[in-house]
Protein backbone atom coordinates (compact mmCIF):
# COMPACT_ATOMS: atom_id res chain seq x y z
CA MET A 1 23.72 -25.70 5.72
CA THR A 2 20.24 -27.24 5.47
CA LYS A 3 18.60 -26.42 2.12
CA PRO A 4 15.19 -24.76 2.58
CA VAL A 5 12.24 -25.99 0.59
CA LEU A 6 10.43 -23.10 -1.04
CA HIS A 7 7.24 -22.99 -3.10
CA TYR A 8 7.79 -20.62 -6.02
CA TYR A 9 5.35 -18.53 -8.12
CA ASP A 10 5.87 -17.67 -11.81
CA VAL A 11 5.06 -13.98 -11.67
CA ALA A 12 7.39 -12.65 -14.36
CA ASP A 13 10.90 -13.21 -15.71
CA GLY A 14 13.51 -12.36 -13.08
CA ILE A 15 11.02 -11.80 -10.27
CA VAL A 16 11.53 -14.08 -7.27
CA ALA A 17 8.22 -14.83 -5.54
CA PHE A 18 7.79 -17.68 -3.07
CA SER A 19 6.35 -19.09 0.16
CA THR A 20 8.43 -21.06 2.65
CA THR A 21 7.29 -24.53 3.60
CA ARG A 22 7.85 -26.38 6.87
CA HIS A 23 10.78 -28.25 5.37
CA GLY A 24 14.56 -27.64 5.28
CA GLY A 25 15.06 -25.72 8.47
CA VAL A 26 16.31 -26.37 12.02
CA SER A 27 13.42 -25.18 14.24
CA ARG A 28 11.74 -27.79 16.44
CA GLY A 29 8.29 -28.76 17.71
CA ARG A 30 5.37 -26.77 16.35
CA LEU A 31 7.95 -24.39 14.88
CA ALA A 32 9.49 -27.18 12.82
CA THR A 33 11.33 -26.65 10.78
CA LEU A 34 11.61 -23.58 8.55
CA ASN A 35 10.42 -20.70 10.71
CA ILE A 36 12.02 -17.29 10.05
CA ASN A 37 9.61 -15.27 12.14
CA PRO A 38 11.44 -13.76 15.15
CA TYR A 39 8.18 -13.03 16.98
CA ARG A 40 7.02 -16.63 17.59
CA GLY A 41 9.12 -17.56 20.64
CA ASP A 42 11.52 -19.64 18.55
CA ASP A 43 15.18 -20.14 19.45
CA PRO A 44 16.89 -17.00 18.01
CA ALA A 45 19.82 -19.14 16.76
CA ALA A 46 17.41 -21.39 14.85
CA VAL A 47 15.62 -18.39 13.33
CA ALA A 48 18.94 -16.88 12.29
CA ARG A 49 20.10 -20.14 10.63
CA ASN A 50 16.76 -20.52 8.86
CA LEU A 51 16.91 -16.88 7.70
CA GLN A 52 20.43 -17.30 6.41
CA SER A 53 19.52 -20.39 4.40
CA VAL A 54 16.39 -18.84 2.85
CA ALA A 55 18.32 -15.63 1.98
CA ALA A 56 21.09 -17.70 0.33
CA GLU A 57 18.51 -19.72 -1.62
CA ILE A 58 16.92 -16.56 -3.14
CA GLY A 59 20.20 -14.67 -3.54
CA VAL A 60 19.95 -11.83 -1.04
CA GLU A 61 21.74 -10.88 2.17
CA PRO A 62 19.86 -11.86 5.35
CA ASP A 63 19.61 -8.20 6.41
CA ARG A 64 17.80 -7.50 3.14
CA MET A 65 14.83 -9.69 4.10
CA ILE A 66 12.11 -7.53 5.59
CA ARG A 67 10.15 -9.17 8.45
CA LEU A 68 7.21 -7.30 9.83
CA HIS A 69 5.70 -7.54 13.33
CA GLN A 70 2.08 -7.86 12.25
CA ILE A 71 -1.00 -6.90 14.32
CA HIS A 72 -3.99 -7.50 12.00
CA GLU A 73 -4.28 -3.83 11.01
CA THR A 74 -3.60 -2.06 7.69
CA ALA A 75 -0.46 0.00 8.25
CA CYS A 76 2.09 -0.34 5.45
CA LEU A 77 5.84 -0.02 5.62
CA VAL A 78 7.47 1.73 2.64
CA VAL A 79 11.00 0.44 2.20
CA THR A 80 13.30 3.07 0.74
CA ASP A 81 17.06 3.39 0.30
CA GLY A 82 16.96 5.56 3.43
CA PHE A 83 15.25 2.77 5.43
CA LEU A 84 17.89 0.27 4.30
CA HIS A 85 20.66 2.51 5.63
CA LEU A 86 19.11 2.82 9.11
CA PRO A 87 20.61 0.87 12.05
CA ALA A 88 19.01 -2.56 12.53
CA ALA A 89 17.22 -1.46 15.69
CA GLU A 90 15.56 1.51 13.91
CA GLN A 91 14.48 -0.78 11.02
CA THR A 92 12.92 -3.15 13.52
CA ALA A 93 11.08 -0.25 15.15
CA GLN A 94 9.63 0.78 11.81
CA GLU A 95 8.56 -2.82 11.08
CA GLU A 96 6.56 -2.89 14.26
CA GLY A 97 2.80 -2.84 13.83
CA LYS A 98 2.85 -3.21 10.07
CA ASP A 99 0.82 -5.69 8.10
CA ALA A 100 1.89 -4.67 4.61
CA VAL A 101 5.06 -3.58 2.89
CA VAL A 102 5.95 -2.03 -0.49
CA THR A 103 9.20 -1.13 -2.22
CA ASP A 104 10.86 -0.32 -5.49
CA CYS A 105 14.32 -1.13 -4.15
CA ARG A 106 16.16 -3.98 -5.80
CA GLU A 107 17.70 -7.01 -4.16
CA VAL A 108 15.49 -6.56 -1.12
CA CYS A 109 12.99 -9.28 -0.22
CA ILE A 110 9.74 -8.01 1.28
CA GLY A 111 7.12 -10.32 2.65
CA VAL A 112 4.58 -11.29 5.30
CA HIS A 113 4.19 -14.03 7.89
CA THR A 114 1.06 -16.27 7.89
CA ALA A 115 -0.34 -19.53 9.22
CA ASP A 116 -3.88 -19.79 7.72
CA CYS A 117 -4.22 -16.04 7.03
CA VAL A 118 -3.95 -14.92 3.40
CA PRO A 119 -0.61 -13.66 2.06
CA VAL A 120 -0.97 -11.48 -1.02
CA LEU A 121 1.94 -10.42 -3.25
CA PHE A 122 1.89 -7.56 -5.75
CA TYR A 123 4.08 -6.79 -8.75
CA ASP A 124 3.92 -3.74 -10.95
CA PRO A 125 5.91 -4.51 -14.14
CA VAL A 126 5.54 -0.95 -15.45
CA ARG A 127 6.84 0.97 -12.40
CA GLN A 128 9.00 -1.94 -11.19
CA ALA A 129 7.61 -2.02 -7.70
CA VAL A 130 6.43 -4.86 -5.44
CA GLY A 131 4.25 -5.25 -2.36
CA ALA A 132 3.10 -7.80 0.18
CA ALA A 133 0.07 -7.87 2.53
CA HIS A 134 -1.07 -10.01 5.43
CA ALA A 135 -4.84 -10.51 5.19
CA GLY A 136 -6.33 -12.35 8.11
CA TRP A 137 -10.06 -12.10 8.43
CA ARG A 138 -9.70 -8.75 10.27
CA GLY A 139 -7.33 -7.38 7.62
CA THR A 140 -9.61 -8.71 4.87
CA VAL A 141 -12.62 -6.89 6.41
CA LYS A 142 -10.48 -3.72 6.59
CA ARG A 143 -9.55 -4.24 2.91
CA ILE A 144 -5.81 -4.37 3.43
CA VAL A 145 -5.09 -5.50 -0.15
CA GLN A 146 -6.74 -2.37 -1.47
CA CYS A 147 -4.88 -0.22 1.05
CA THR A 148 -1.60 -1.79 -0.10
CA ALA A 149 -2.32 -1.25 -3.79
CA ARG A 150 -3.17 2.37 -3.01
CA ARG A 151 0.19 2.81 -1.22
CA MET A 152 1.85 1.58 -4.38
CA GLU A 153 -0.15 4.08 -6.37
CA GLU A 154 0.85 6.88 -4.03
CA HIS A 155 4.54 6.15 -3.97
CA TYR A 156 5.22 4.67 -7.42
CA GLY A 157 2.32 5.71 -9.65
CA THR A 158 1.10 2.14 -9.88
CA LYS A 159 -2.15 1.57 -11.82
CA PRO A 160 -4.31 -1.31 -10.63
CA SER A 161 -4.77 -2.50 -14.27
CA ASP A 162 -1.00 -3.07 -14.43
CA LEU A 163 -0.71 -5.10 -11.22
CA LYS A 164 -0.08 -8.80 -11.01
CA ALA A 165 -1.05 -10.48 -7.72
CA VAL A 166 -0.45 -13.78 -5.99
CA ILE A 167 -2.76 -15.14 -3.30
CA GLY A 168 -0.61 -17.59 -1.45
CA PRO A 169 -1.25 -20.60 0.86
CA CYS A 170 -4.07 -19.98 3.32
CA ILE A 171 -7.06 -21.67 4.91
CA SER A 172 -9.82 -22.69 2.48
CA GLU A 173 -13.50 -21.92 2.77
CA ARG A 174 -14.24 -25.56 3.60
CA ASN A 175 -12.01 -25.36 6.70
CA PHE A 176 -12.59 -21.73 7.83
CA GLU A 177 -15.55 -22.07 10.18
CA VAL A 178 -16.46 -18.81 11.85
CA GLY A 179 -18.90 -17.52 14.46
CA GLN A 180 -21.86 -15.29 13.73
CA GLU A 181 -19.85 -12.16 14.80
CA VAL A 182 -17.30 -12.80 12.03
CA TYR A 183 -20.04 -13.32 9.46
CA ASP A 184 -21.69 -10.11 10.62
CA ALA A 185 -18.37 -8.22 10.27
CA PHE A 186 -18.04 -9.23 6.64
CA SER A 187 -21.68 -8.42 5.99
CA ALA A 188 -21.37 -5.00 7.59
CA ALA A 189 -18.28 -4.31 5.44
CA GLY A 190 -20.30 -4.82 2.27
CA PHE A 191 -19.01 -8.19 1.08
CA PRO A 192 -21.22 -10.22 -1.22
CA MET A 193 -22.25 -12.81 1.38
CA SER A 194 -23.96 -15.11 -1.08
CA ARG A 195 -20.63 -15.54 -2.85
CA ILE A 196 -18.15 -15.60 -0.02
CA ALA A 197 -20.05 -17.44 2.74
CA LYS A 198 -21.53 -20.94 2.93
CA ARG A 199 -23.24 -22.69 5.81
CA HIS A 200 -21.99 -26.16 6.76
CA GLY A 201 -23.72 -26.31 10.13
CA LYS A 202 -21.91 -23.04 10.99
CA TRP A 203 -20.82 -20.27 8.64
CA HIS A 204 -17.67 -20.75 6.54
CA ILE A 205 -16.03 -17.84 4.75
CA ASP A 206 -13.87 -17.95 1.64
CA LEU A 207 -10.93 -15.66 2.47
CA PRO A 208 -8.98 -16.19 -0.80
CA LEU A 209 -12.05 -15.24 -2.79
CA CYS A 210 -12.70 -12.19 -0.55
CA ASN A 211 -9.27 -10.88 -1.39
CA GLN A 212 -9.56 -11.69 -5.09
CA LEU A 213 -12.86 -9.80 -5.24
CA GLN A 214 -11.22 -6.80 -3.54
CA LEU A 215 -8.44 -6.77 -6.14
CA GLU A 216 -10.93 -7.02 -9.00
CA GLU A 217 -13.03 -4.23 -7.45
CA LEU A 218 -9.97 -2.04 -7.42
CA GLY A 219 -9.33 -2.70 -11.14
CA VAL A 220 -6.84 -5.54 -11.15
CA PRO A 221 -7.77 -7.85 -14.08
CA ALA A 222 -8.90 -11.35 -12.97
CA SER A 223 -6.35 -12.76 -15.43
CA HIS A 224 -3.59 -11.04 -13.44
CA ILE A 225 -4.52 -12.71 -10.15
CA PHE A 226 -2.99 -16.10 -9.34
CA GLN A 227 -4.58 -18.25 -6.64
CA SER A 228 -2.15 -20.84 -5.17
CA GLY A 229 -5.04 -23.11 -4.29
CA ILE A 230 -3.05 -24.47 -1.27
CA CYS A 231 -5.10 -24.91 1.84
CA THR A 232 -2.84 -24.67 4.91
CA TYR A 233 -5.29 -26.63 7.07
CA ASP A 234 -5.31 -29.57 4.63
CA LYS A 235 -1.59 -29.35 3.95
CA SER A 236 -0.42 -28.66 7.52
CA ASP A 237 2.48 -31.13 7.20
CA ASP A 238 3.96 -28.80 4.53
CA PHE A 239 2.65 -25.39 5.59
CA PHE A 240 2.04 -23.94 9.08
CA SER A 241 -1.62 -23.82 10.14
CA ALA A 242 -2.74 -22.02 13.29
CA ARG A 243 -5.98 -24.03 13.48
CA ILE A 244 -4.08 -27.32 13.39
CA LEU A 245 -1.09 -26.40 15.56
CA LYS A 246 -3.16 -24.30 18.04
CA GLU A 247 -0.31 -22.43 19.79
CA GLY A 248 3.48 -21.93 19.73
CA PHE A 249 3.57 -22.50 15.93
CA GLY A 250 5.84 -21.12 13.26
CA THR A 251 4.73 -19.18 10.20
CA ILE A 252 5.03 -19.22 6.48
CA TYR A 253 6.96 -16.36 4.92
CA THR A 254 5.59 -15.32 1.54
CA GLY A 255 7.98 -12.93 -0.19
CA ILE A 256 8.86 -11.17 -3.40
CA LEU A 257 11.93 -9.31 -4.64
CA LEU A 258 13.07 -7.29 -7.62
CA PRO A 259 16.36 -8.58 -9.05
CA ALA A 260 19.47 -6.53 -9.59
CA LEU A 261 19.55 -4.51 -12.75
CA SER A 262 21.58 -6.12 -15.55
CA PRO A 263 24.64 -4.16 -16.75
CA SER A 264 22.83 -3.36 -20.01
CA ALA A 265 19.81 -2.01 -18.13
CA LYS A 266 22.02 0.13 -15.94
CA THR A 267 23.70 1.57 -19.00
CA ALA A 268 20.36 2.22 -20.71
CA GLY A 269 19.13 3.95 -17.51
C-alpha cells in the first residue's frame, strides 16, 4: 500500500493531529494524489484506498474517520457512541451539511476538508474532547470557530481557557484577494479591518488571523493557538489550493483523534 505523507502537529502527548498532503495516494489529475474526500468527483476506489492508507497510518479503522459534506455554514456534528453504532448510510446522512464536528469518543478521527479555506482543530485536555471546524471566508464571517467551541462547552463542559487550537494550512493574506463585497461582509460582522485587511491594488484579507482573533475573543489564550504558517497557494505542489487548481481538485483533510485509554487509565477510571 502507498504510504501517505502527513503533516503532524504537536498538540499534546498521545494526541494525533495532522493534515494530509498531496503525496502518497493514488488519485489522479487535480485530485492527485492523496484525496480522501468522497464529494469531489474522485474515483471511489481511489478514495477508498487513500482513506485506508491514512487510517492505517494514524492507527484507526477507516470507518472511524469522520468525513463531513461541508456547505460553508456553521452546523456542527456531535459524534457519540450512538452515532458510531448507526448504519453507514445514517452516519452519512448526519454528516451532510455540517462544517464542524466535535467528540469525546476515543479512537475516532474527526476532521474537515479544505483547499485554501482555514481548518481549525481544538483539544480540551481537561475534559478530553476534540473538535474540528472548516472556516472559509463565509464560515469565518459567521464565526464558526466560536460556534464550535461553544458546542464543546455545551456537550463536554469545555472552558475556552483550557482549549488548545491549531490553525492549519490555508491561503495567506498575501494571496487572498477579495472583492469589495467580501470586505464589506467582514466589516459588517465587526472584524477589526485595520488589522485583518490590506490593500494591494484590491483588498486582501488575513483569514488565519481572523480565526485566531475569534479564538482569543472567546477566551482561548494566544499561547494555546498554533498557526501552521503554511500557505496553500504558495505550497500548492504539497497542499491542495482551489485558487491554483480552479476546478475538479482534491482537498486536504485536517484531523484530530483521542487515543485509546491505557490499561492503567482504564483501571483508574
